[in-house]
Amino acid sequence: LASALSHPNVVQVLDLGFEEGCYFIAMEYLAGEDFSAVIRSAAKQRTYVPLNIALKVLADAAHGLHYAHTFTDSKGQPLNVVHRDVSPSNIFVTYSGQVKVLDFGIAKAESRVTNTTAGVVKGKYQYMSPEQAQSAPIDKRADVYSLGVCMYEAMCNARPFARDSDLAILNAVLKNEYRPVRELRPDLPEDVERIIVKALSPDPKDRFQTAEEFAEELERFLAVTTSGGGTSSVATFMAGFF
């Protein structure tokens, strides 16, 4: 499935096969850092990833996810791919300013023969949508939610659902309990806070209905703010930061 995806914002699988008793996947080589390392490095320096950079990275990741969500087979049938493991460590930022979504390793396509066993929760708890945490049926809006968690983390240098145990994390996710963005980051523009809150709506119907819609909202904000967030500015930031 992952090898069929070809988009500027999705890591390219070049080859897969079986060699000396092992399966392998050969992927394009990316020089850069994952978004988690970018956020951590900013936090260590007691600062934040610049707003225009973070929003550009998130918008590009949303474009990559939208491509996967709308991917069709050779007959034009939608596969309804859901990544299910969107987190900052699965968003890669190259030194040349490209953004790539990684690891469609647990991606779910409706056409797959083997479905997840009932009661088995896949993905990282802290980035999981409430419906995923309940092992309920999920669609592309679960990835929108997870990207919203990534956005909260990038804006606040804190994970909204970080708790002491897996059970406490899942409980916080199910109850949608997180500290308000403005409490942690009073300087954040209201429009940015509104985007986060919408993406983190517990009911999928209240979120952005597609990752593309999420991306457009981020890009609309970037367009009206003075500092743009182009690929070249991401490259300049990465070169200076690392």
Protein backbone atom coordinates (compact mmCIF):
# COMPACT_ATOMS: atom_id res chain seq x y z
CA LEU A 1 0.00 0.00 0.00
CA ALA A 2 2.67 2.52 1.04
CA SER A 3 4.73 1.76 -2.07
CA ALA A 4 1.81 2.85 -4.27
CA LEU A 5 1.69 6.33 -2.73
CA SER A 6 3.59 9.00 -4.68
CA HIS A 7 3.31 12.60 -3.46
CA PRO A 8 5.82 15.36 -2.56
CA ASN A 9 4.65 15.24 1.08
CA VAL A 10 4.75 11.44 1.53
CA VAL A 11 8.00 9.48 1.88
CA GLN A 12 8.60 7.52 -1.31
CA VAL A 13 8.96 3.74 -1.13
CA LEU A 14 11.33 2.75 -3.95
CA ASP A 15 11.43 -1.00 -3.61
CA LEU A 16 10.27 -3.87 -1.44
CA GLY A 17 11.29 -7.49 -1.46
CA PHE A 18 12.65 -10.51 0.36
CA GLU A 19 16.38 -11.07 0.82
CA GLU A 20 18.24 -13.66 2.91
CA GLY A 21 15.17 -14.56 4.95
CA CYS A 22 14.15 -10.94 5.61
CA TYR A 23 11.57 -8.63 4.09
CA PHE A 24 12.85 -5.15 3.32
CA ILE A 25 11.53 -1.77 2.24
CA ALA A 26 13.90 0.63 0.45
CA MET A 27 12.82 4.25 0.82
CA GLU A 28 14.13 7.57 -0.45
CA TYR A 29 16.93 8.98 1.68
CA LEU A 30 15.92 12.13 3.55
CA ALA A 31 18.47 14.43 5.20
CA GLY A 32 16.81 16.33 8.03
CA GLU A 33 15.04 15.92 11.36
CA ASP A 34 11.66 14.66 12.41
CA PHE A 35 9.24 17.31 13.66
CA SER A 36 9.47 15.90 17.18
CA ALA A 37 13.21 16.73 17.26
CA VAL A 38 12.46 20.22 15.92
CA ILE A 39 9.91 20.88 18.70
CA ARG A 40 12.22 19.42 21.40
CA SER A 41 15.19 21.51 20.22
CA ALA A 42 13.08 24.67 20.42
CA ALA A 43 11.86 23.76 23.92
CA LYS A 44 15.46 23.13 25.09
CA GLN A 45 16.31 26.65 23.96
CA ARG A 46 13.29 27.92 25.89
CA THR A 47 11.60 29.08 22.74
CA TYR A 48 9.02 27.85 20.22
CA VAL A 49 9.30 26.75 16.62
CA PRO A 50 8.52 30.03 14.76
CA LEU A 51 4.80 30.20 14.05
CA ASN A 52 5.12 30.49 10.25
CA ILE A 53 7.52 27.52 10.13
CA ALA A 54 5.37 25.25 12.31
CA LEU A 55 2.20 26.08 10.38
CA LYS A 56 3.90 25.49 7.03
CA VAL A 57 5.15 22.06 8.21
CA LEU A 58 1.69 21.11 9.49
CA ALA A 59 -0.03 22.32 6.30
CA ASP A 60 2.36 20.29 4.11
CA ALA A 61 1.81 17.21 6.29
CA ALA A 62 -1.96 17.73 5.91
CA HIS A 63 -1.56 17.81 2.10
CA GLY A 64 0.33 14.50 2.24
CA LEU A 65 -2.37 12.93 4.40
CA HIS A 66 -5.15 14.21 2.14
CA TYR A 67 -3.45 12.61 -0.84
CA ALA A 68 -3.33 9.26 1.00
CA HIS A 69 -6.92 9.63 2.23
CA THR A 70 -8.22 10.17 -1.32
CA PHE A 71 -5.97 7.56 -2.96
CA THR A 72 -7.71 5.19 -5.36
CA ASP A 73 -6.76 1.84 -6.85
CA SER A 74 -6.14 1.25 -10.56
CA LYS A 75 -9.90 0.97 -11.14
CA GLY A 76 -10.55 4.33 -9.49
CA GLN A 77 -12.05 2.79 -6.36
CA PRO A 78 -11.21 4.78 -3.19
CA LEU A 79 -9.11 2.73 -0.75
CA ASN A 80 -10.10 4.94 2.19
CA VAL A 81 -6.60 4.88 3.65
CA VAL A 82 -6.23 6.12 7.24
CA HIS A 83 -2.69 6.57 8.58
CA ARG A 84 -3.66 5.96 12.25
CA ASP A 85 -0.24 6.91 13.65
CA VAL A 86 0.16 10.62 12.89
CA SER A 87 2.60 12.17 15.37
CA PRO A 88 5.51 14.66 15.23
CA SER A 89 7.97 11.74 14.95
CA ASN A 90 6.18 10.65 11.75
CA ILE A 91 6.46 14.09 10.15
CA PHE A 92 9.90 14.64 8.65
CA VAL A 93 11.41 18.03 7.78
CA THR A 94 14.40 18.00 5.44
CA TYR A 95 17.22 20.54 5.52
CA SER A 96 16.04 21.68 2.08
CA GLY A 97 12.62 22.55 3.50
CA GLN A 98 10.56 19.56 2.31
CA VAL A 99 7.98 17.99 4.60
CA LYS A 100 7.20 14.26 4.37
CA VAL A 101 4.71 12.07 6.22
CA LEU A 102 6.45 8.83 7.23
CA ASP A 103 5.48 5.36 8.32
CA PHE A 104 2.23 4.23 6.83
CA GLY A 105 3.14 1.02 8.68
CA ILE A 106 -0.19 0.63 10.46
CA ALA A 107 -2.25 2.47 7.84
CA LYS A 108 -5.67 0.98 7.39
CA ALA A 109 -7.23 0.54 3.97
CA GLU A 110 -10.75 -0.78 3.68
CA SER A 111 -9.64 -3.26 1.04
CA ARG A 112 -7.19 -5.02 3.34
CA VAL A 113 -8.01 -8.66 3.99
CA THR A 114 -6.83 -8.65 7.59
CA ASN A 115 -8.55 -6.19 9.86
CA THR A 116 -7.37 -5.20 13.30
CA THR A 117 -8.51 -7.65 15.95
CA ALA A 118 -11.37 -6.23 18.01
CA GLY A 119 -10.10 -4.50 21.12
CA VAL A 120 -6.56 -3.99 19.79
CA VAL A 121 -5.69 -0.31 19.80
CA LYS A 122 -2.96 0.69 17.35
CA GLY A 123 -1.04 3.96 17.25
CA LYS A 124 0.45 6.20 19.94
CA TYR A 125 -2.03 6.84 22.73
CA GLN A 126 -1.19 10.53 23.19
CA TYR A 127 -2.01 11.35 19.55
CA MET A 128 -5.04 9.11 19.20
CA SER A 129 -8.56 10.32 18.42
CA PRO A 130 -11.29 9.41 20.93
CA GLU A 131 -12.95 7.05 18.44
CA GLN A 132 -9.63 5.29 17.83
CA ALA A 133 -9.04 4.98 21.58
CA GLN A 134 -12.41 3.24 21.84
CA SER A 135 -11.56 0.85 18.98
CA ALA A 136 -14.58 2.31 17.17
CA PRO A 137 -14.67 2.58 13.35
CA ILE A 138 -12.42 5.39 12.16
CA ASP A 139 -12.00 7.42 9.00
CA LYS A 140 -9.72 10.20 7.74
CA ARG A 141 -11.01 12.56 10.44
CA ALA A 142 -9.07 10.49 13.02
CA ASP A 143 -5.86 11.62 11.27
CA VAL A 144 -7.13 15.22 11.30
CA TYR A 145 -7.50 14.93 15.08
CA SER A 146 -3.99 13.48 15.49
CA LEU A 147 -2.55 16.32 13.40
CA GLY A 148 -4.41 18.71 15.72
CA VAL A 149 -2.59 17.12 18.67
CA CYS A 150 0.71 17.68 16.79
CA MET A 151 -0.26 21.33 16.25
CA TYR A 152 -1.04 21.81 19.96
CA GLU A 153 2.35 20.33 20.84
CA ALA A 154 4.18 22.54 18.32
CA MET A 155 2.42 25.68 19.57
CA CYS A 156 2.71 24.98 23.31
CA ASN A 157 5.81 22.73 23.68
CA ALA A 158 3.52 20.40 25.62
CA ARG A 159 1.44 17.37 24.72
CA PRO A 160 -2.23 17.97 25.51
CA PHE A 161 -2.87 14.47 26.83
CA ALA A 162 0.46 13.71 28.53
CA ARG A 163 -0.26 11.83 31.76
CA ASP A 164 1.55 9.38 34.06
CA SER A 165 0.12 6.17 32.63
CA ASP A 166 -1.45 4.78 29.46
CA LEU A 167 -4.78 4.45 31.26
CA ALA A 168 -4.69 8.10 32.38
CA ILE A 169 -3.76 9.18 28.82
CA LEU A 170 -6.68 7.25 27.31
CA ASN A 171 -9.01 8.66 29.95
CA ALA A 172 -7.91 12.24 29.14
CA VAL A 173 -8.36 11.57 25.40
CA LEU A 174 -11.86 10.14 25.90
CA LYS A 175 -12.90 13.06 28.13
CA ASN A 176 -11.14 15.62 25.87
CA GLU A 177 -9.33 17.06 28.89
CA TYR A 178 -6.43 19.33 28.05
CA ARG A 179 -5.18 22.70 29.26
CA PRO A 180 -6.47 25.59 27.14
CA VAL A 181 -3.93 26.73 24.56
CA ARG A 182 -3.99 30.36 25.74
CA GLU A 183 -3.19 29.28 29.29
CA LEU A 184 0.14 27.90 28.05
CA ARG A 185 0.73 30.39 25.25
CA PRO A 186 -1.09 33.72 25.83
CA ASP A 187 0.63 35.34 22.83
CA LEU A 188 -0.83 32.90 20.30
CA PRO A 189 -3.21 34.50 17.77
CA GLU A 190 -6.86 33.62 18.38
CA ASP A 191 -7.22 32.28 14.84
CA VAL A 192 -4.49 29.70 15.50
CA GLU A 193 -6.09 28.65 18.77
CA ARG A 194 -9.46 28.28 16.99
CA ILE A 195 -7.89 25.94 14.39
CA ILE A 196 -6.44 23.73 17.15
CA VAL A 197 -9.71 23.57 19.08
CA LYS A 198 -11.64 22.64 15.93
CA ALA A 199 -9.16 19.90 14.99
CA LEU A 200 -9.41 18.52 18.55
CA SER A 201 -13.21 18.34 18.60
CA PRO A 202 -14.17 15.04 20.25
CA ASP A 203 -16.99 14.54 17.72
CA PRO A 204 -15.58 13.90 14.21
CA LYS A 205 -18.50 15.88 12.71
CA ASP A 206 -17.20 19.06 14.40
CA ARG A 207 -13.62 18.77 13.07
CA PHE A 208 -12.23 19.73 9.69
CA GLN A 209 -13.83 17.11 7.49
CA THR A 210 -10.70 16.61 5.39
CA ALA A 211 -6.98 17.12 5.90
CA GLU A 212 -7.11 19.43 2.86
CA GLU A 213 -9.60 21.68 4.68
CA PHE A 214 -7.20 21.75 7.65
CA ALA A 215 -4.29 22.69 5.34
CA GLU A 216 -6.29 25.45 3.65
CA GLU A 217 -7.16 26.99 7.01
CA LEU A 218 -3.50 27.02 8.03
CA GLU A 219 -2.45 28.48 4.67
CA ARG A 220 -5.16 31.13 4.84
CA PHE A 221 -3.72 32.30 8.15
CA LEU A 222 -0.17 32.23 6.75
CA ALA A 223 -1.25 34.27 3.73
CA VAL A 224 -2.70 37.12 5.79
CA THR A 225 0.13 37.28 8.33
CA THR A 226 3.17 39.23 7.25
CA SER A 227 5.78 36.48 7.44
CA GLY A 228 5.13 33.82 4.83
CA GLY A 229 5.93 30.17 5.35
CA GLY A 230 7.44 28.99 2.09
CA THR A 231 9.76 26.05 1.57
CA SER A 232 12.78 28.37 1.41
CA SER A 233 11.99 29.86 4.85
CA VAL A 234 11.70 26.34 6.29
CA ALA A 235 15.10 25.46 4.74
CA THR A 236 16.66 28.64 6.15
CA PHE A 237 15.22 27.88 9.59
CA MET A 238 16.45 24.26 9.53
CA ALA A 239 19.95 25.30 8.46
CA GLY A 240 20.16 27.84 11.27
CA PHE A 241 18.54 25.67 13.91
CA PHE A 242 20.50 22.44 13.34
